[in-house]
Amino acid sequence: MNPKLDGAFLERQRLELLRLRATLVAATAAAESEEAEVRTQRTDGALEAEEDAQQLDALERGDDLVGRSIERLGRVDRALQKLEEGTYGVSDVSGQPIGRERLEAVPEALCTLSEERSLEHQQR
């Protein structure tokens, strides 16, 4: 456990993670519902070329949103698991403490800011 994190802070983080989780689940469900509606509209009849292009664009943006929400939901779930394990605030990458300020800004942070930047750079 990160020794700089007290019980009150951890409880606030747990509540924030649960709130964030509920928001992400609702947003994902809404986006998936909207996507299903657009798909139904596409199969219900002939579309003008412009309307078809707009709907395809909406589907693509919806897919991106759902994908990002699901990815973030995974990080939130992992952070909640780390709270239960007593390892919240410790990097999954290096075992180093994650700064309190980072955790306040990004409660689902699983690694330090420098580690995240390095991982993002590697993925590009």
N, C-alpha and C. Protein backbone atom coordinates (compact mmCIF):
# COMPACT_ATOMS: atom_id res chain seq x y z
N MET A 1 0.84 -1.18 0.00
CA MET A 1 0.00 0.00 0.00
C MET A 1 0.89 1.24 0.00
N ASN A 2 0.39 2.27 -0.64
CA ASN A 2 1.07 3.56 -0.66
C ASN A 2 0.95 4.16 0.74
N PRO A 3 2.07 4.34 1.44
CA PRO A 3 2.02 4.80 2.83
C PRO A 3 1.48 6.22 3.00
N LYS A 4 1.41 7.00 1.92
CA LYS A 4 0.93 8.37 2.01
C LYS A 4 -0.59 8.47 1.92
N LEU A 5 -1.29 7.35 1.80
CA LEU A 5 -2.74 7.35 1.62
C LEU A 5 -3.42 6.89 2.90
N ASP A 6 -4.21 7.76 3.51
CA ASP A 6 -4.90 7.42 4.75
C ASP A 6 -6.27 6.80 4.46
N GLY A 7 -6.87 6.25 5.49
CA GLY A 7 -8.15 5.55 5.35
C GLY A 7 -9.26 6.43 4.81
N ALA A 8 -9.33 7.69 5.24
CA ALA A 8 -10.38 8.59 4.76
C ALA A 8 -10.22 8.85 3.26
N PHE A 9 -8.98 9.04 2.82
CA PHE A 9 -8.72 9.25 1.40
C PHE A 9 -9.13 8.01 0.60
N LEU A 10 -8.76 6.85 1.08
CA LEU A 10 -9.08 5.61 0.38
C LEU A 10 -10.59 5.42 0.27
N GLU A 11 -11.32 5.76 1.32
CA GLU A 11 -12.78 5.63 1.28
C GLU A 11 -13.37 6.61 0.27
N ARG A 12 -12.87 7.84 0.22
CA ARG A 12 -13.34 8.81 -0.78
C ARG A 12 -13.06 8.30 -2.19
N GLN A 13 -11.91 7.71 -2.37
CA GLN A 13 -11.55 7.18 -3.69
C GLN A 13 -12.46 6.01 -4.06
N ARG A 14 -12.75 5.17 -3.10
CA ARG A 14 -13.65 4.02 -3.35
C ARG A 14 -15.02 4.52 -3.80
N LEU A 15 -15.55 5.52 -3.11
CA LEU A 15 -16.86 6.07 -3.48
C LEU A 15 -16.81 6.74 -4.85
N GLU A 16 -15.73 7.45 -5.14
CA GLU A 16 -15.59 8.09 -6.45
C GLU A 16 -15.48 7.03 -7.54
N LEU A 17 -14.74 5.97 -7.31
CA LEU A 17 -14.62 4.89 -8.29
C LEU A 17 -15.97 4.21 -8.53
N LEU A 18 -16.74 4.01 -7.49
CA LEU A 18 -18.07 3.40 -7.65
C LEU A 18 -19.00 4.32 -8.44
N ARG A 19 -18.92 5.64 -8.19
CA ARG A 19 -19.73 6.60 -8.93
C ARG A 19 -19.30 6.61 -10.41
N LEU A 20 -18.00 6.61 -10.63
CA LEU A 20 -17.47 6.60 -11.98
C LEU A 20 -17.87 5.33 -12.71
N ARG A 21 -17.83 4.22 -12.01
CA ARG A 21 -18.23 2.94 -12.61
C ARG A 21 -19.68 2.97 -13.07
N ALA A 22 -20.56 3.48 -12.21
CA ALA A 22 -21.98 3.56 -12.55
C ALA A 22 -22.19 4.47 -13.77
N THR A 23 -21.48 5.57 -13.83
CA THR A 23 -21.58 6.49 -14.96
C THR A 23 -21.12 5.82 -16.25
N LEU A 24 -20.00 5.11 -16.19
CA LEU A 24 -19.48 4.43 -17.38
C LEU A 24 -20.41 3.32 -17.86
N VAL A 25 -20.98 2.57 -16.93
CA VAL A 25 -21.91 1.50 -17.30
C VAL A 25 -23.13 2.10 -17.99
N ALA A 26 -23.66 3.19 -17.43
CA ALA A 26 -24.84 3.84 -18.03
C ALA A 26 -24.51 4.42 -19.40
N ALA A 27 -23.36 5.06 -19.53
CA ALA A 27 -22.97 5.65 -20.81
C ALA A 27 -22.76 4.58 -21.88
N THR A 28 -22.16 3.47 -21.49
CA THR A 28 -21.93 2.37 -22.43
C THR A 28 -23.26 1.78 -22.88
N ALA A 29 -24.17 1.58 -21.94
CA ALA A 29 -25.48 1.02 -22.30
C ALA A 29 -26.23 1.97 -23.23
N ALA A 30 -26.17 3.28 -22.96
CA ALA A 30 -26.85 4.26 -23.82
C ALA A 30 -26.24 4.27 -25.22
N ALA A 31 -24.93 4.22 -25.31
CA ALA A 31 -24.26 4.23 -26.61
C ALA A 31 -24.58 2.95 -27.39
N GLU A 32 -24.62 1.83 -26.70
CA GLU A 32 -24.95 0.57 -27.37
C GLU A 32 -26.39 0.58 -27.86
N SER A 33 -27.30 1.16 -27.07
CA SER A 33 -28.69 1.26 -27.47
C SER A 33 -28.85 2.16 -28.69
N GLU A 34 -28.14 3.28 -28.68
CA GLU A 34 -28.19 4.20 -29.83
C GLU A 34 -27.63 3.53 -31.08
N GLU A 35 -26.55 2.77 -30.90
CA GLU A 35 -25.96 2.06 -32.03
C GLU A 35 -26.94 1.04 -32.60
N ALA A 36 -27.64 0.33 -31.73
CA ALA A 36 -28.61 -0.66 -32.19
C ALA A 36 -29.74 0.04 -32.96
N GLU A 37 -30.15 1.21 -32.49
CA GLU A 37 -31.21 1.95 -33.18
C GLU A 37 -30.76 2.39 -34.57
N VAL A 38 -29.53 2.88 -34.67
CA VAL A 38 -29.00 3.30 -35.97
C VAL A 38 -28.92 2.10 -36.91
N ARG A 39 -28.47 0.97 -36.39
CA ARG A 39 -28.37 -0.23 -37.23
C ARG A 39 -29.76 -0.66 -37.72
N THR A 40 -30.76 -0.56 -36.86
CA THR A 40 -32.12 -0.91 -37.24
C THR A 40 -32.62 0.02 -38.33
N GLN A 41 -32.35 1.31 -38.19
CA GLN A 41 -32.76 2.28 -39.20
C GLN A 41 -32.10 1.98 -40.54
N ARG A 42 -30.85 1.54 -40.51
CA ARG A 42 -30.13 1.25 -41.75
C ARG A 42 -30.74 0.06 -42.47
N THR A 43 -31.32 -0.89 -41.74
CA THR A 43 -31.85 -2.08 -42.38
C THR A 43 -33.33 -1.95 -42.71
N ASP A 44 -33.98 -0.90 -42.20
CA ASP A 44 -35.41 -0.74 -42.42
C ASP A 44 -35.78 -0.22 -43.80
N GLY A 45 -34.89 0.38 -44.50
CA GLY A 45 -35.26 0.91 -45.80
C GLY A 45 -34.09 1.50 -46.54
N ALA A 46 -34.37 1.95 -47.74
CA ALA A 46 -33.34 2.57 -48.55
C ALA A 46 -32.98 3.94 -47.97
N LEU A 47 -31.72 4.25 -47.99
CA LEU A 47 -31.24 5.52 -47.45
C LEU A 47 -30.61 6.34 -48.57
N GLU A 48 -30.74 7.62 -48.44
CA GLU A 48 -30.00 8.51 -49.33
C GLU A 48 -28.52 8.35 -49.01
N ALA A 49 -27.66 8.59 -49.98
CA ALA A 49 -26.22 8.41 -49.79
C ALA A 49 -25.70 9.26 -48.63
N GLU A 50 -26.14 10.50 -48.53
CA GLU A 50 -25.67 11.39 -47.47
C GLU A 50 -26.14 10.90 -46.10
N GLU A 51 -27.39 10.48 -46.02
CA GLU A 51 -27.93 9.97 -44.76
C GLU A 51 -27.20 8.70 -44.34
N ASP A 52 -26.93 7.86 -45.32
CA ASP A 52 -26.20 6.62 -45.04
C ASP A 52 -24.80 6.94 -44.51
N ALA A 53 -24.12 7.89 -45.12
CA ALA A 53 -22.78 8.28 -44.66
C ALA A 53 -22.82 8.83 -43.25
N GLN A 54 -23.84 9.63 -42.95
CA GLN A 54 -23.98 10.19 -41.60
C GLN A 54 -24.20 9.08 -40.57
N GLN A 55 -25.01 8.11 -40.92
CA GLN A 55 -25.27 7.02 -40.00
C GLN A 55 -24.03 6.15 -39.81
N LEU A 56 -23.29 5.92 -40.86
CA LEU A 56 -22.04 5.15 -40.73
C LEU A 56 -21.05 5.89 -39.84
N ASP A 57 -20.98 7.21 -39.99
CA ASP A 57 -20.11 8.02 -39.14
C ASP A 57 -20.55 7.94 -37.68
N ALA A 58 -21.85 7.99 -37.45
CA ALA A 58 -22.38 7.89 -36.09
C ALA A 58 -22.05 6.53 -35.48
N LEU A 59 -22.16 5.48 -36.28
CA LEU A 59 -21.82 4.14 -35.79
C LEU A 59 -20.35 4.05 -35.41
N GLU A 60 -19.49 4.62 -36.24
CA GLU A 60 -18.05 4.58 -35.97
C GLU A 60 -17.72 5.35 -34.68
N ARG A 61 -18.30 6.53 -34.53
CA ARG A 61 -18.06 7.31 -33.31
C ARG A 61 -18.61 6.58 -32.09
N GLY A 62 -19.76 5.94 -32.25
CA GLY A 62 -20.34 5.18 -31.15
C GLY A 62 -19.47 4.01 -30.75
N ASP A 63 -18.92 3.33 -31.74
CA ASP A 63 -18.01 2.21 -31.46
C ASP A 63 -16.79 2.69 -30.69
N ASP A 64 -16.24 3.85 -31.09
CA ASP A 64 -15.08 4.42 -30.39
C ASP A 64 -15.42 4.74 -28.94
N LEU A 65 -16.59 5.35 -28.74
CA LEU A 65 -17.02 5.73 -27.40
C LEU A 65 -17.21 4.50 -26.52
N VAL A 66 -17.87 3.50 -27.05
CA VAL A 66 -18.10 2.27 -26.29
C VAL A 66 -16.77 1.61 -25.95
N GLY A 67 -15.88 1.54 -26.92
CA GLY A 67 -14.57 0.93 -26.69
C GLY A 67 -13.79 1.64 -25.60
N ARG A 68 -13.77 2.97 -25.65
CA ARG A 68 -13.05 3.74 -24.62
C ARG A 68 -13.71 3.57 -23.25
N SER A 69 -15.05 3.55 -23.23
CA SER A 69 -15.75 3.38 -21.95
C SER A 69 -15.47 2.01 -21.35
N ILE A 70 -15.46 0.98 -22.18
CA ILE A 70 -15.19 -0.37 -21.69
C ILE A 70 -13.76 -0.47 -21.18
N GLU A 71 -12.82 0.15 -21.89
CA GLU A 71 -11.43 0.15 -21.46
C GLU A 71 -11.28 0.86 -20.10
N ARG A 72 -11.92 2.01 -19.98
CA ARG A 72 -11.84 2.75 -18.72
C ARG A 72 -12.54 1.98 -17.60
N LEU A 73 -13.65 1.35 -17.91
CA LEU A 73 -14.36 0.54 -16.93
C LEU A 73 -13.45 -0.57 -16.39
N GLY A 74 -12.65 -1.15 -17.25
CA GLY A 74 -11.69 -2.17 -16.81
C GLY A 74 -10.68 -1.61 -15.82
N ARG A 75 -10.22 -0.37 -16.09
CA ARG A 75 -9.27 0.26 -15.15
C ARG A 75 -9.96 0.58 -13.82
N VAL A 76 -11.20 1.03 -13.88
CA VAL A 76 -11.95 1.32 -12.65
C VAL A 76 -12.12 0.03 -11.84
N ASP A 77 -12.50 -1.04 -12.50
CA ASP A 77 -12.67 -2.33 -11.79
C ASP A 77 -11.35 -2.79 -11.17
N ARG A 78 -10.25 -2.60 -11.90
CA ARG A 78 -8.94 -2.99 -11.35
C ARG A 78 -8.59 -2.12 -10.14
N ALA A 79 -8.88 -0.83 -10.21
CA ALA A 79 -8.60 0.06 -9.07
C ALA A 79 -9.44 -0.36 -7.86
N LEU A 80 -10.69 -0.72 -8.07
CA LEU A 80 -11.53 -1.19 -6.96
C LEU A 80 -10.97 -2.49 -6.38
N GLN A 81 -10.49 -3.37 -7.25
CA GLN A 81 -9.87 -4.62 -6.80
C GLN A 81 -8.63 -4.31 -5.95
N LYS A 82 -7.83 -3.33 -6.40
CA LYS A 82 -6.62 -2.95 -5.66
C LYS A 82 -6.99 -2.38 -4.29
N LEU A 83 -8.09 -1.65 -4.21
CA LEU A 83 -8.54 -1.15 -2.90
C LEU A 83 -8.83 -2.32 -1.96
N GLU A 84 -9.52 -3.34 -2.48
CA GLU A 84 -9.83 -4.52 -1.68
C GLU A 84 -8.57 -5.27 -1.27
N GLU A 85 -7.59 -5.33 -2.18
CA GLU A 85 -6.35 -6.05 -1.91
C GLU A 85 -5.39 -5.28 -1.01
N GLY A 86 -5.64 -3.97 -0.88
CA GLY A 86 -4.73 -3.13 -0.11
C GLY A 86 -3.54 -2.64 -0.92
N THR A 87 -3.65 -2.67 -2.25
CA THR A 87 -2.55 -2.23 -3.10
C THR A 87 -2.89 -0.98 -3.90
N TYR A 88 -4.00 -0.33 -3.58
CA TYR A 88 -4.38 0.90 -4.30
C TYR A 88 -3.31 1.96 -4.08
N GLY A 89 -2.97 2.65 -5.15
CA GLY A 89 -1.94 3.69 -5.06
C GLY A 89 -0.54 3.18 -5.31
N VAL A 90 -0.44 1.91 -5.69
CA VAL A 90 0.86 1.31 -6.03
C VAL A 90 0.79 0.88 -7.50
N SER A 91 1.79 1.26 -8.27
CA SER A 91 1.82 0.99 -9.70
C SER A 91 1.79 -0.51 -10.00
N ASP A 92 0.92 -0.88 -10.94
CA ASP A 92 0.91 -2.26 -11.44
C ASP A 92 2.15 -2.55 -12.28
N VAL A 93 2.79 -1.52 -12.79
CA VAL A 93 3.95 -1.69 -13.66
C VAL A 93 5.23 -1.89 -12.85
N SER A 94 5.46 -0.98 -11.88
CA SER A 94 6.75 -0.97 -11.19
C SER A 94 6.68 -1.24 -9.69
N GLY A 95 5.49 -1.15 -9.12
CA GLY A 95 5.37 -1.29 -7.67
C GLY A 95 5.69 0.00 -6.93
N GLN A 96 5.94 1.07 -7.67
CA GLN A 96 6.23 2.37 -7.06
C GLN A 96 4.94 3.04 -6.64
N PRO A 97 4.99 3.90 -5.62
CA PRO A 97 3.79 4.64 -5.22
C PRO A 97 3.32 5.59 -6.33
N ILE A 98 2.01 5.68 -6.48
CA ILE A 98 1.39 6.63 -7.40
C ILE A 98 1.06 7.87 -6.57
N GLY A 99 1.41 9.02 -7.06
CA GLY A 99 1.19 10.26 -6.31
C GLY A 99 -0.28 10.50 -5.98
N ARG A 100 -0.50 11.03 -4.79
CA ARG A 100 -1.86 11.33 -4.34
C ARG A 100 -2.57 12.27 -5.31
N GLU A 101 -1.85 13.27 -5.80
CA GLU A 101 -2.44 14.23 -6.73
C GLU A 101 -2.93 13.53 -7.99
N ARG A 102 -2.17 12.57 -8.47
CA ARG A 102 -2.57 11.81 -9.66
C ARG A 102 -3.82 10.99 -9.37
N LEU A 103 -3.86 10.37 -8.22
CA LEU A 103 -5.02 9.57 -7.85
C LEU A 103 -6.27 10.43 -7.67
N GLU A 104 -6.09 11.65 -7.18
CA GLU A 104 -7.23 12.55 -7.05
C GLU A 104 -7.77 12.94 -8.43
N ALA A 105 -6.85 13.18 -9.37
CA ALA A 105 -7.24 13.58 -10.72
C ALA A 105 -7.75 12.41 -11.55
N VAL A 106 -7.13 11.24 -11.37
CA VAL A 106 -7.48 10.03 -12.14
C VAL A 106 -7.58 8.88 -11.15
N PRO A 107 -8.75 8.73 -10.50
CA PRO A 107 -8.87 7.71 -9.45
C PRO A 107 -8.58 6.29 -9.91
N GLU A 108 -8.75 6.04 -11.21
CA GLU A 108 -8.50 4.69 -11.75
C GLU A 108 -7.07 4.50 -12.22
N ALA A 109 -6.17 5.42 -11.89
CA ALA A 109 -4.77 5.31 -12.31
C ALA A 109 -4.16 4.02 -11.75
N LEU A 110 -3.51 3.27 -12.64
CA LEU A 110 -2.90 2.01 -12.25
C LEU A 110 -1.38 2.05 -12.30
N CYS A 111 -0.85 3.18 -12.75
CA CYS A 111 0.60 3.35 -12.81
C CYS A 111 0.93 4.84 -12.68
N THR A 112 2.19 5.14 -12.52
CA THR A 112 2.60 6.53 -12.38
C THR A 112 2.41 7.25 -13.72
N LEU A 113 2.42 8.55 -13.68
CA LEU A 113 2.24 9.35 -14.89
C LEU A 113 3.36 9.08 -15.89
N SER A 114 4.59 9.01 -15.42
CA SER A 114 5.70 8.75 -16.35
C SER A 114 5.58 7.36 -16.98
N GLU A 115 5.13 6.38 -16.21
CA GLU A 115 4.94 5.03 -16.77
C GLU A 115 3.82 5.03 -17.81
N GLU A 116 2.73 5.75 -17.53
CA GLU A 116 1.63 5.81 -18.49
C GLU A 116 2.07 6.48 -19.79
N ARG A 117 2.82 7.56 -19.67
CA ARG A 117 3.32 8.23 -20.88
C ARG A 117 4.22 7.29 -21.68
N SER A 118 5.04 6.55 -21.01
CA SER A 118 5.93 5.60 -21.67
C SER A 118 5.11 4.51 -22.38
N LEU A 119 4.08 4.00 -21.72
CA LEU A 119 3.23 2.97 -22.32
C LEU A 119 2.50 3.52 -23.54
N GLU A 120 1.99 4.76 -23.43
CA GLU A 120 1.30 5.37 -24.57
C GLU A 120 2.26 5.56 -25.74
N HIS A 121 3.48 5.96 -25.45
CA HIS A 121 4.48 6.16 -26.51
C HIS A 121 4.78 4.83 -27.20
N GLN A 122 4.88 3.75 -26.44
CA GLN A 122 5.16 2.43 -27.01
C GLN A 122 4.01 1.95 -27.89
N GLN A 123 2.76 2.32 -27.53
CA GLN A 123 1.60 1.87 -28.28
C GLN A 123 1.46 2.59 -29.61
N ARG A 124 2.08 3.75 -29.74
CA ARG A 124 2.01 4.50 -31.01
C ARG A 124 2.92 3.90 -31.99
